[in-house]
Amino acid sequence: MFKRSEQDKRPQVRIFVDGVAVAARQGDPVSAALLASGLDARRSTAVSGAPRLPYCMMGVCFDCLVTIDGVGNRQGCLVPVTDGMQIEIQKGKREIGK
């Protein structure tokens, strides 16, 4: 659904999404990298289990929550990717200690 511009010449970085290596561009927010990856990067809500995707991409809606480097409930749209970053798609409610 999403395709990167061929004019985007920023260096690539490698992130890991649920253990799978994914190429991203330096400076991408985590949510943009997930959408561009083509992976099924939907989180599920805690109450109904409904699938959610990043929506507003500016930190208002909280539909982009992910676990980043072991820290849960991070807004993926506000966090730029770094090389080697470990990202987990949140399924349901937050676990204690994450």
PDB file of N, CA and C in Angstrom:
ATOM      1  N   MET A   1       0.820  -1.198   0.000  1.00  0.00           N
ATOM      2  CA  MET A   1       0.000   0.000   0.000  1.00  0.00           C
ATOM      3  C   MET A   1       0.865   1.263   0.000  1.00  0.00           C
ATOM      4  N   PHE A   2       1.965   1.231   0.754  1.00  0.00           N
ATOM      5  CA  PHE A   2       2.848   2.390   0.823  1.00  0.00           C
ATOM      6  C   PHE A   2       4.114   2.087   0.043  1.00  0.00           C
ATOM      7  N   LYS A   3       4.630   3.071  -0.645  1.00  0.00           N
ATOM      8  CA  LYS A   3       5.849   2.902  -1.430  1.00  0.00           C
ATOM      9  C   LYS A   3       6.753   4.100  -1.179  1.00  0.00           C
ATOM     10  N   ARG A   4       8.013   3.823  -1.000  1.00  0.00           N
ATOM     11  CA  ARG A   4       8.975   4.898  -0.789  1.00  0.00           C
ATOM     12  C   ARG A   4       9.242   5.634  -2.090  1.00  0.00           C
ATOM     13  N   SER A   5       9.494   6.912  -1.984  1.00  0.00           N
ATOM     14  CA  SER A   5       9.880   7.709  -3.140  1.00  0.00           C
ATOM     15  C   SER A   5      11.268   7.283  -3.601  1.00  0.00           C
ATOM     16  N   GLU A   6      11.443   7.161  -4.879  1.00  0.00           N
ATOM     17  CA  GLU A   6      12.757   6.810  -5.415  1.00  0.00           C
ATOM     18  C   GLU A   6      13.753   7.944  -5.230  1.00  0.00           C
ATOM     19  N   GLN A   7      13.271   9.124  -4.901  1.00  0.00           N
ATOM     20  CA  GLN A   7      14.147  10.266  -4.657  1.00  0.00           C
ATOM     21  C   GLN A   7      14.696  10.289  -3.234  1.00  0.00           C
ATOM     22  N   ASP A   8      14.184   9.412  -2.384  1.00  0.00           N
ATOM     23  CA  ASP A   8      14.639   9.349  -0.994  1.00  0.00           C
ATOM     24  C   ASP A   8      16.004   8.677  -0.943  1.00  0.00           C
ATOM     25  N   LYS A   9      17.039   9.452  -0.746  1.00  0.00           N
ATOM     26  CA  LYS A   9      18.416   8.951  -0.762  1.00  0.00           C
ATOM     27  C   LYS A   9      19.023   8.836   0.641  1.00  0.00           C
ATOM     28  N   ARG A  10      18.182   8.923   1.668  1.00  0.00           N
ATOM     29  CA  ARG A  10      18.717   8.805   3.021  1.00  0.00           C
ATOM     30  C   ARG A  10      19.306   7.404   3.226  1.00  0.00           C
ATOM     31  N   PRO A  11      20.320   7.288   4.079  1.00  0.00           N
ATOM     32  CA  PRO A  11      20.928   5.976   4.326  1.00  0.00           C
ATOM     33  C   PRO A  11      19.930   5.008   4.967  1.00  0.00           C
ATOM     34  N   GLN A  12      20.116   3.731   4.650  1.00  0.00           N
ATOM     35  CA  GLN A  12      19.273   2.712   5.265  1.00  0.00           C
ATOM     36  C   GLN A  12      19.816   2.322   6.625  1.00  0.00           C
ATOM     37  N   VAL A  13      18.911   1.956   7.510  1.00  0.00           N
ATOM     38  CA  VAL A  13      19.258   1.355   8.791  1.00  0.00           C
ATOM     39  C   VAL A  13      18.474   0.060   8.890  1.00  0.00           C
ATOM     40  N   ARG A  14      18.918  -0.829   9.766  1.00  0.00           N
ATOM     41  CA  ARG A  14      18.220  -2.097   9.947  1.00  0.00           C
ATOM     42  C   ARG A  14      17.568  -2.111  11.315  1.00  0.00           C
ATOM     43  N   ILE A  15      16.276  -2.382  11.326  1.00  0.00           N
ATOM     44  CA  ILE A  15      15.529  -2.534  12.569  1.00  0.00           C
ATOM     45  C   ILE A  15      14.987  -3.953  12.599  1.00  0.00           C
ATOM     46  N   PHE A  16      14.534  -4.378  13.755  1.00  0.00           N
ATOM     47  CA  PHE A  16      13.980  -5.721  13.902  1.00  0.00           C
ATOM     48  C   PHE A  16      12.557  -5.600  14.426  1.00  0.00           C
ATOM     49  N   VAL A  17      11.617  -6.158  13.680  1.00  0.00           N
ATOM     50  CA  VAL A  17      10.200  -6.111  14.043  1.00  0.00           C
ATOM     51  C   VAL A  17       9.770  -7.527  14.375  1.00  0.00           C
ATOM     52  N   ASP A  18       9.455  -7.757  15.636  1.00  0.00           N
ATOM     53  CA  ASP A  18       9.128  -9.102  16.116  1.00  0.00           C
ATOM     54  C   ASP A  18      10.181 -10.106  15.657  1.00  0.00           C
ATOM     55  N   GLY A  19      11.447  -9.679  15.720  1.00  0.00           N
ATOM     56  CA  GLY A  19      12.568 -10.552  15.393  1.00  0.00           C
ATOM     57  C   GLY A  19      12.941 -10.625  13.920  1.00  0.00           C
ATOM     58  N   VAL A  20      12.170  -9.994  13.052  1.00  0.00           N
ATOM     59  CA  VAL A  20      12.433 -10.015  11.613  1.00  0.00           C
ATOM     60  C   VAL A  20      13.178  -8.740  11.218  1.00  0.00           C
ATOM     61  N   ALA A  21      14.296  -8.895  10.515  1.00  0.00           N
ATOM     62  CA  ALA A  21      15.070  -7.731  10.069  1.00  0.00           C
ATOM     63  C   ALA A  21      14.294  -6.976   8.993  1.00  0.00           C
ATOM     64  N   VAL A  22      14.235  -5.656   9.143  1.00  0.00           N
ATOM     65  CA  VAL A  22      13.506  -4.786   8.218  1.00  0.00           C
ATOM     66  C   VAL A  22      14.391  -3.591   7.887  1.00  0.00           C
ATOM     67  N   ALA A  23      14.427  -3.223   6.619  1.00  0.00           N
ATOM     68  CA  ALA A  23      15.174  -2.035   6.208  1.00  0.00           C
ATOM     69  C   ALA A  23      14.301  -0.805   6.409  1.00  0.00           C
ATOM     70  N   ALA A  24      14.890   0.223   6.990  1.00  0.00           N
ATOM     71  CA  ALA A  24      14.205   1.505   7.180  1.00  0.00           C
ATOM     72  C   ALA A  24      15.166   2.596   6.717  1.00  0.00           C
ATOM     73  N   ARG A  25      14.687   3.815   6.682  1.00  0.00           N
ATOM     74  CA  ARG A  25      15.552   4.943   6.308  1.00  0.00           C
ATOM     75  C   ARG A  25      15.867   5.761   7.546  1.00  0.00           C
ATOM     76  N   GLN A  26      17.090   6.219   7.617  1.00  0.00           N
ATOM     77  CA  GLN A  26      17.510   7.065   8.728  1.00  0.00           C
ATOM     78  C   GLN A  26      16.555   8.244   8.833  1.00  0.00           C
ATOM     79  N   GLY A  27      16.043   8.485  10.043  1.00  0.00           N
ATOM     80  CA  GLY A  27      15.125   9.590  10.269  1.00  0.00           C
ATOM     81  C   GLY A  27      13.659   9.208  10.194  1.00  0.00           C
ATOM     82  N   ASP A  28      13.345   7.998   9.698  1.00  0.00           N
ATOM     83  CA  ASP A  28      11.946   7.551   9.665  1.00  0.00           C
ATOM     84  C   ASP A  28      11.403   7.425  11.078  1.00  0.00           C
ATOM     85  N   PRO A  29      10.174   7.858  11.315  1.00  0.00           N
ATOM     86  CA  PRO A  29       9.528   7.461  12.559  1.00  0.00           C
ATOM     87  C   PRO A  29       9.264   5.955  12.498  1.00  0.00           C
ATOM     88  N   VAL A  30       9.238   5.290  13.641  1.00  0.00           N
ATOM     89  CA  VAL A  30       8.987   3.851  13.680  1.00  0.00           C
ATOM     90  C   VAL A  30       7.715   3.497  12.907  1.00  0.00           C
ATOM     91  N   SER A  31       6.639   4.243  13.101  1.00  0.00           N
ATOM     92  CA  SER A  31       5.372   3.926  12.426  1.00  0.00           C
ATOM     93  C   SER A  31       5.492   3.985  10.908  1.00  0.00           C
ATOM     94  N   ALA A  32       6.205   4.971  10.393  1.00  0.00           N
ATOM     95  CA  ALA A  32       6.389   5.079   8.945  1.00  0.00           C
ATOM     96  C   ALA A  32       7.208   3.905   8.432  1.00  0.00           C
ATOM     97  N   ALA A  33       8.228   3.503   9.179  1.00  0.00           N
ATOM     98  CA  ALA A  33       9.042   2.356   8.780  1.00  0.00           C
ATOM     99  C   ALA A  33       8.204   1.084   8.764  1.00  0.00           C
ATOM    100  N   LEU A  34       7.312   0.930   9.748  1.00  0.00           N
ATOM    101  CA  LEU A  34       6.444  -0.249   9.786  1.00  0.00           C
ATOM    102  C   LEU A  34       5.487  -0.263   8.605  1.00  0.00           C
ATOM    103  N   LEU A  35       4.885   0.871   8.309  1.00  0.00           N
ATOM    104  CA  LEU A  35       3.959   0.936   7.178  1.00  0.00           C
ATOM    105  C   LEU A  35       4.677   0.660   5.863  1.00  0.00           C
ATOM    106  N   ALA A  36       5.886   1.178   5.707  1.00  0.00           N
ATOM    107  CA  ALA A  36       6.641   0.990   4.467  1.00  0.00           C
ATOM    108  C   ALA A  36       7.203  -0.421   4.336  1.00  0.00           C
ATOM    109  N   SER A  37       7.291  -1.145   5.447  1.00  0.00           N
ATOM    110  CA  SER A  37       7.907  -2.472   5.436  1.00  0.00           C
ATOM    111  C   SER A  37       7.063  -3.519   4.715  1.00  0.00           C
ATOM    112  N   GLY A  38       5.768  -3.289   4.644  1.00  0.00           N
ATOM    113  CA  GLY A  38       4.883  -4.289   4.057  1.00  0.00           C
ATOM    114  C   GLY A  38       4.487  -5.385   5.030  1.00  0.00           C
ATOM    115  N   LEU A  39       5.041  -5.359   6.245  1.00  0.00           N
ATOM    116  CA  LEU A  39       4.656  -6.349   7.255  1.00  0.00           C
ATOM    117  C   LEU A  39       3.265  -6.039   7.794  1.00  0.00           C
ATOM    118  N   ASP A  40       2.620  -7.060   8.313  1.00  0.00           N
ATOM    119  CA  ASP A  40       1.339  -6.846   8.976  1.00  0.00           C
ATOM    120  C   ASP A  40       1.654  -6.272  10.355  1.00  0.00           C
ATOM    121  N   ALA A  41       1.718  -4.966  10.438  1.00  0.00           N
ATOM    122  CA  ALA A  41       2.183  -4.284  11.648  1.00  0.00           C
ATOM    123  C   ALA A  41       1.025  -3.719  12.451  1.00  0.00           C
ATOM    124  N   ARG A  42      -0.071  -4.449  12.506  1.00  0.00           N
ATOM    125  CA  ARG A  42      -1.227  -3.969  13.266  1.00  0.00           C
ATOM    126  C   ARG A  42      -1.107  -4.386  14.714  1.00  0.00           C
ATOM    127  N   ARG A  43      -1.372  -3.458  15.593  1.00  0.00           N
ATOM    128  CA  ARG A  43      -1.477  -3.820  17.006  1.00  0.00           C
ATOM    129  C   ARG A  43      -2.931  -4.203  17.261  1.00  0.00           C
ATOM    130  N   SER A  44      -3.207  -4.768  18.412  1.00  0.00           N
ATOM    131  CA  SER A  44      -4.598  -5.061  18.760  1.00  0.00           C
ATOM    132  C   SER A  44      -4.931  -4.362  20.068  1.00  0.00           C
ATOM    133  N   THR A  45      -6.174  -3.930  20.172  1.00  0.00           N
ATOM    134  CA  THR A  45      -6.593  -3.190  21.361  1.00  0.00           C
ATOM    135  C   THR A  45      -6.743  -4.128  22.552  1.00  0.00           C
ATOM    136  N   ALA A  46      -6.608  -3.562  23.743  1.00  0.00           N
ATOM    137  CA  ALA A  46      -6.669  -4.357  24.968  1.00  0.00           C
ATOM    138  C   ALA A  46      -8.063  -4.885  25.263  1.00  0.00           C
ATOM    139  N   VAL A  47      -9.098  -4.150  24.943  1.00  0.00           N
ATOM    140  CA  VAL A  47     -10.451  -4.531  25.328  1.00  0.00           C
ATOM    141  C   VAL A  47     -11.078  -5.498  24.323  1.00  0.00           C
ATOM    142  N   SER A  48     -11.144  -5.104  23.063  1.00  0.00           N
ATOM    143  CA  SER A  48     -11.857  -5.927  22.081  1.00  0.00           C
ATOM    144  C   SER A  48     -10.941  -6.752  21.181  1.00  0.00           C
ATOM    145  N   GLY A  49      -9.653  -6.451  21.192  1.00  0.00           N
ATOM    146  CA  GLY A  49      -8.734  -7.143  20.292  1.00  0.00           C
ATOM    147  C   GLY A  49      -8.812  -6.645  18.861  1.00  0.00           C
ATOM    148  N   ALA A  50      -9.489  -5.506  18.644  1.00  0.00           N
ATOM    149  CA  ALA A  50      -9.645  -4.953  17.297  1.00  0.00           C
ATOM    150  C   ALA A  50      -8.286  -4.534  16.736  1.00  0.00           C
ATOM    151  N   PRO A  51      -8.040  -4.794  15.454  1.00  0.00           N
ATOM    152  CA  PRO A  51      -6.761  -4.386  14.858  1.00  0.00           C
ATOM    153  C   PRO A  51      -6.700  -2.873  14.649  1.00  0.00           C
ATOM    154  N   ARG A  52      -5.519  -2.310  14.851  1.00  0.00           N
ATOM    155  CA  ARG A  52      -5.314  -0.866  14.697  1.00  0.00           C
ATOM    156  C   ARG A  52      -4.031  -0.632  13.913  1.00  0.00           C
ATOM    157  N   LEU A  53      -4.026   0.418  13.116  1.00  0.00           N
ATOM    158  CA  LEU A  53      -2.844   0.874  12.383  1.00  0.00           C
ATOM    159  C   LEU A  53      -2.547   2.306  12.783  1.00  0.00           C
ATOM    160  N   PRO A  54      -1.310   2.771  12.568  1.00  0.00           N
ATOM    161  CA  PRO A  54      -1.031   4.190  12.797  1.00  0.00           C
ATOM    162  C   PRO A  54      -2.021   5.040  12.004  1.00  0.00           C
ATOM    163  N   TYR A  55      -2.521   6.079  12.639  1.00  0.00           N
ATOM    164  CA  TYR A  55      -3.566   6.889  12.007  1.00  0.00           C
ATOM    165  C   TYR A  55      -3.129   8.333  11.796  1.00  0.00           C
ATOM    166  N   CYS A  56      -2.893   9.052  12.889  1.00  0.00           N
ATOM    167  CA  CYS A  56      -2.652  10.496  12.755  1.00  0.00           C
ATOM    168  C   CYS A  56      -1.199  10.824  12.443  1.00  0.00           C
ATOM    169  N   MET A  57      -0.276   9.973  12.841  1.00  0.00           N
ATOM    170  CA  MET A  57       1.170  10.151  12.626  1.00  0.00           C
ATOM    171  C   MET A  57       1.724  11.428  13.275  1.00  0.00           C
ATOM    172  N   MET A  58       1.044  11.918  14.321  1.00  0.00           N
ATOM    173  CA  MET A  58       1.561  13.099  15.021  1.00  0.00           C
ATOM    174  C   MET A  58       1.346  13.037  16.533  1.00  0.00           C
ATOM    175  N   GLY A  59       1.086  11.850  17.072  1.00  0.00           N
ATOM    176  CA  GLY A  59       1.045  11.685  18.517  1.00  0.00           C
ATOM    177  C   GLY A  59      -0.267  11.974  19.197  1.00  0.00           C
ATOM    178  N   VAL A  60      -1.354  12.067  18.449  1.00  0.00           N
ATOM    179  CA  VAL A  60      -2.637  12.407  19.052  1.00  0.00           C
ATOM    180  C   VAL A  60      -3.487  11.167  19.342  1.00  0.00           C
ATOM    181  N   CYS A  61      -3.502  10.188  18.433  1.00  0.00           N
ATOM    182  CA  CYS A  61      -4.499   9.112  18.501  1.00  0.00           C
ATOM    183  C   CYS A  61      -4.058   7.874  19.284  1.00  0.00           C
ATOM    184  N   PHE A  62      -2.793   7.624  19.487  1.00  0.00           N
ATOM    185  CA  PHE A  62      -2.256   6.469  20.214  1.00  0.00           C
ATOM    186  C   PHE A  62      -2.533   5.130  19.527  1.00  0.00           C
ATOM    187  N   ASP A  63      -2.817   5.136  18.240  1.00  0.00           N
ATOM    188  CA  ASP A  63      -3.039   3.890  17.513  1.00  0.00           C
ATOM    189  C   ASP A  63      -1.744   3.245  17.049  1.00  0.00           C
ATOM    190  N   CYS A  64      -0.622   3.857  17.325  1.00  0.00           N
ATOM    191  CA  CYS A  64       0.679   3.363  16.850  1.00  0.00           C
ATOM    192  C   CYS A  64       1.522   2.783  17.977  1.00  0.00           C
ATOM    193  N   LEU A  65       0.912   2.438  19.103  1.00  0.00           N
ATOM    194  CA  LEU A  65       1.686   1.976  20.250  1.00  0.00           C
ATOM    195  C   LEU A  65       2.446   0.695  19.945  1.00  0.00           C
ATOM    196  N   VAL A  66       3.725   0.685  20.278  1.00  0.00           N
ATOM    197  CA  VAL A  66       4.602  -0.465  20.092  1.00  0.00           C
ATOM    198  C   VAL A  66       5.544  -0.566  21.288  1.00  0.00           C
ATOM    199  N   THR A  67       6.208  -1.699  21.401  1.00  0.00           N
ATOM    200  CA  THR A  67       7.274  -1.859  22.381  1.00  0.00           C
ATOM    201  C   THR A  67       8.588  -1.626  21.640  1.00  0.00           C
ATOM    202  N   ILE A  68       9.392  -0.691  22.127  1.00  0.00           N
ATOM    203  CA  ILE A  68      10.656  -0.337  21.494  1.00  0.00           C
ATOM    204  C   ILE A  68      11.786  -0.594  22.476  1.00  0.00           C
ATOM    205  N   ASP A  69      12.696  -1.472  22.082  1.00  0.00           N
ATOM    206  CA  ASP A  69      13.841  -1.829  22.923  1.00  0.00           C
ATOM    207  C   ASP A  69      13.407  -2.166  24.349  1.00  0.00           C
ATOM    208  N   GLY A  70      12.315  -2.936  24.448  1.00  0.00           N
ATOM    209  CA  GLY A  70      11.841  -3.425  25.734  1.00  0.00           C
ATOM    210  C   GLY A  70      10.940  -2.481  26.511  1.00  0.00           C
ATOM    211  N   VAL A  71      10.692  -1.282  26.002  1.00  0.00           N
ATOM    212  CA  VAL A  71       9.835  -0.308  26.687  1.00  0.00           C
ATOM    213  C   VAL A  71       8.490  -0.262  25.970  1.00  0.00           C
ATOM    214  N   GLY A  72       7.435  -0.645  26.661  1.00  0.00           N
ATOM    215  CA  GLY A  72       6.107  -0.727  26.060  1.00  0.00           C
ATOM    216  C   GLY A  72       5.392   0.604  25.981  1.00  0.00           C
ATOM    217  N   ASN A  73       4.295   0.596  25.211  1.00  0.00           N
ATOM    218  CA  ASN A  73       3.401   1.749  25.064  1.00  0.00           C
ATOM    219  C   ASN A  73       4.105   2.983  24.518  1.00  0.00           C
ATOM    220  N   ARG A  74       5.064   2.790  23.629  1.00  0.00           N
ATOM    221  CA  ARG A  74       5.735   3.919  22.979  1.00  0.00           C
ATOM    222  C   ARG A  74       4.948   4.298  21.736  1.00  0.00           C
ATOM    223  N   GLN A  75       4.812   5.579  21.492  1.00  0.00           N
ATOM    224  CA  GLN A  75       4.129   6.051  20.285  1.00  0.00           C
ATOM    225  C   GLN A  75       5.124   5.989  19.127  1.00  0.00           C
ATOM    226  N   GLY A  76       4.913   5.034  18.245  1.00  0.00           N
ATOM    227  CA  GLY A  76       5.830   4.814  17.140  1.00  0.00           C
ATOM    228  C   GLY A  76       5.949   5.983  16.192  1.00  0.00           C
ATOM    229  N   CYS A  77       4.929   6.811  16.143  1.00  0.00           N
ATOM    230  CA  CYS A  77       4.972   7.949  15.222  1.00  0.00           C
ATOM    231  C   CYS A  77       5.902   9.056  15.713  1.00  0.00           C
ATOM    232  N   LEU A  78       6.306   9.003  16.982  1.00  0.00           N
ATOM    233  CA  LEU A  78       7.135  10.064  17.564  1.00  0.00           C
ATOM    234  C   LEU A  78       8.588   9.654  17.776  1.00  0.00           C
ATOM    235  N   VAL A  79       8.904   8.384  17.540  1.00  0.00           N
ATOM    236  CA  VAL A  79      10.242   7.880  17.824  1.00  0.00           C
ATOM    237  C   VAL A  79      10.964   7.566  16.514  1.00  0.00           C
ATOM    238  N   PRO A  80      12.098   8.240  16.241  1.00  0.00           N
ATOM    239  CA  PRO A  80      12.849   7.928  15.013  1.00  0.00           C
ATOM    240  C   PRO A  80      13.576   6.588  15.158  1.00  0.00           C
ATOM    241  N   VAL A  81      13.675   5.863  14.063  1.00  0.00           N
ATOM    242  CA  VAL A  81      14.369   4.574  14.082  1.00  0.00           C
ATOM    243  C   VAL A  81      15.863   4.780  14.298  1.00  0.00           C
ATOM    244  N   THR A  82      16.481   3.796  14.916  1.00  0.00           N
ATOM    245  CA  THR A  82      17.939   3.751  15.040  1.00  0.00           C
ATOM    246  C   THR A  82      18.382   2.361  14.607  1.00  0.00           C
ATOM    247  N   ASP A  83      19.591   2.275  14.116  1.00  0.00           N
ATOM    248  CA  ASP A  83      20.102   1.003  13.634  1.00  0.00           C
ATOM    249  C   ASP A  83      20.108  -0.025  14.764  1.00  0.00           C
ATOM    250  N   GLY A  84      19.535  -1.200  14.495  1.00  0.00           N
ATOM    251  CA  GLY A  84      19.486  -2.271  15.477  1.00  0.00           C
ATOM    252  C   GLY A  84      18.307  -2.216  16.428  1.00  0.00           C
ATOM    253  N   MET A  85      17.446  -1.220  16.286  1.00  0.00           N
ATOM    254  CA  MET A  85      16.295  -1.059  17.171  1.00  0.00           C
ATOM    255  C   MET A  85      15.420  -2.319  17.148  1.00  0.00           C
ATOM    256  N   GLN A  86      14.976  -2.730  18.332  1.00  0.00           N
ATOM    257  CA  GLN A  86      14.098  -3.891  18.475  1.00  0.00           C
ATOM    258  C   GLN A  86      12.670  -3.400  18.725  1.00  0.00           C
ATOM    259  N   ILE A  87      11.755  -3.776  17.830  1.00  0.00           N
ATOM    260  CA  ILE A  87      10.367  -3.326  17.923  1.00  0.00           C
ATOM    261  C   ILE A  87       9.457  -4.543  18.022  1.00  0.00           C
ATOM    262  N   GLU A  88       8.511  -4.490  18.943  1.00  0.00           N
ATOM    263  CA  GLU A  88       7.511  -5.548  19.062  1.00  0.00           C
ATOM    264  C   GLU A  88       6.137  -4.916  18.866  1.00  0.00           C
ATOM    265  N   ILE A  89       5.318  -5.566  18.059  1.00  0.00           N
ATOM    266  CA  ILE A  89       3.946  -5.103  17.863  1.00  0.00           C
ATOM    267  C   ILE A  89       3.148  -5.482  19.099  1.00  0.00           C
ATOM    268  N   GLN A  90       2.472  -4.522  19.700  1.00  0.00           N
ATOM    269  CA  GLN A  90       1.699  -4.795  20.911  1.00  0.00           C
ATOM    270  C   GLN A  90       0.415  -5.527  20.560  1.00  0.00           C
ATOM    271  N   LYS A  91       0.202  -6.627  21.243  1.00  0.00           N
ATOM    272  CA  LYS A  91      -1.021  -7.405  21.084  1.00  0.00           C
ATOM    273  C   LYS A  91      -1.772  -7.362  22.403  1.00  0.00           C
ATOM    274  N   GLY A  92      -2.849  -6.598  22.421  1.00  0.00           N
ATOM    275  CA  GLY A  92      -3.637  -6.505  23.648  1.00  0.00           C
ATOM    276  C   GLY A  92      -3.035  -5.554  24.660  1.00  0.00           C
ATOM    277  N   LYS A  93      -3.313  -5.832  25.938  1.00  0.00           N
ATOM    278  CA  LYS A  93      -2.885  -4.902  26.983  1.00  0.00           C
ATOM    279  C   LYS A  93      -1.388  -4.993  27.258  1.00  0.00           C
ATOM    280  N   ARG A  94      -0.891  -3.955  27.880  1.00  0.00           N
ATOM    281  CA  ARG A  94       0.536  -3.873  28.224  1.00  0.00           C
ATOM    282  C   ARG A  94       0.857  -4.898  29.300  1.00  0.00           C
ATOM    283  N   GLU A  95       2.034  -5.511  29.170  1.00  0.00           N
ATOM    284  CA  GLU A  95       2.494  -6.455  30.179  1.00  0.00           C
ATOM    285  C   GLU A  95       3.214  -5.710  31.289  1.00  0.00           C
ATOM    286  N   ILE A  96       3.081  -6.216  32.516  1.00  0.00           N
ATOM    287  CA  ILE A  96       3.783  -5.616  33.650  1.00  0.00           C
ATOM    288  C   ILE A  96       5.283  -5.673  33.382  1.00  0.00           C
ATOM    289  N   GLY A  97       5.978  -4.576  33.622  1.00  0.00           N
ATOM    290  CA  GLY A  97       7.416  -4.522  33.461  1.00  0.00           C
ATOM    291  C   GLY A  97       7.874  -4.130  32.072  1.00  0.00           C
ATOM    292  N   LYS A  98       6.929  -3.867  31.184  1.00  0.00           N
ATOM    293  CA  LYS A  98       7.304  -3.443  29.824  1.00  0.00           C
ATOM    294  C   LYS A  98       6.854  -2.033  29.598  1.00  0.00           C
TER     295      LYS A  98
END
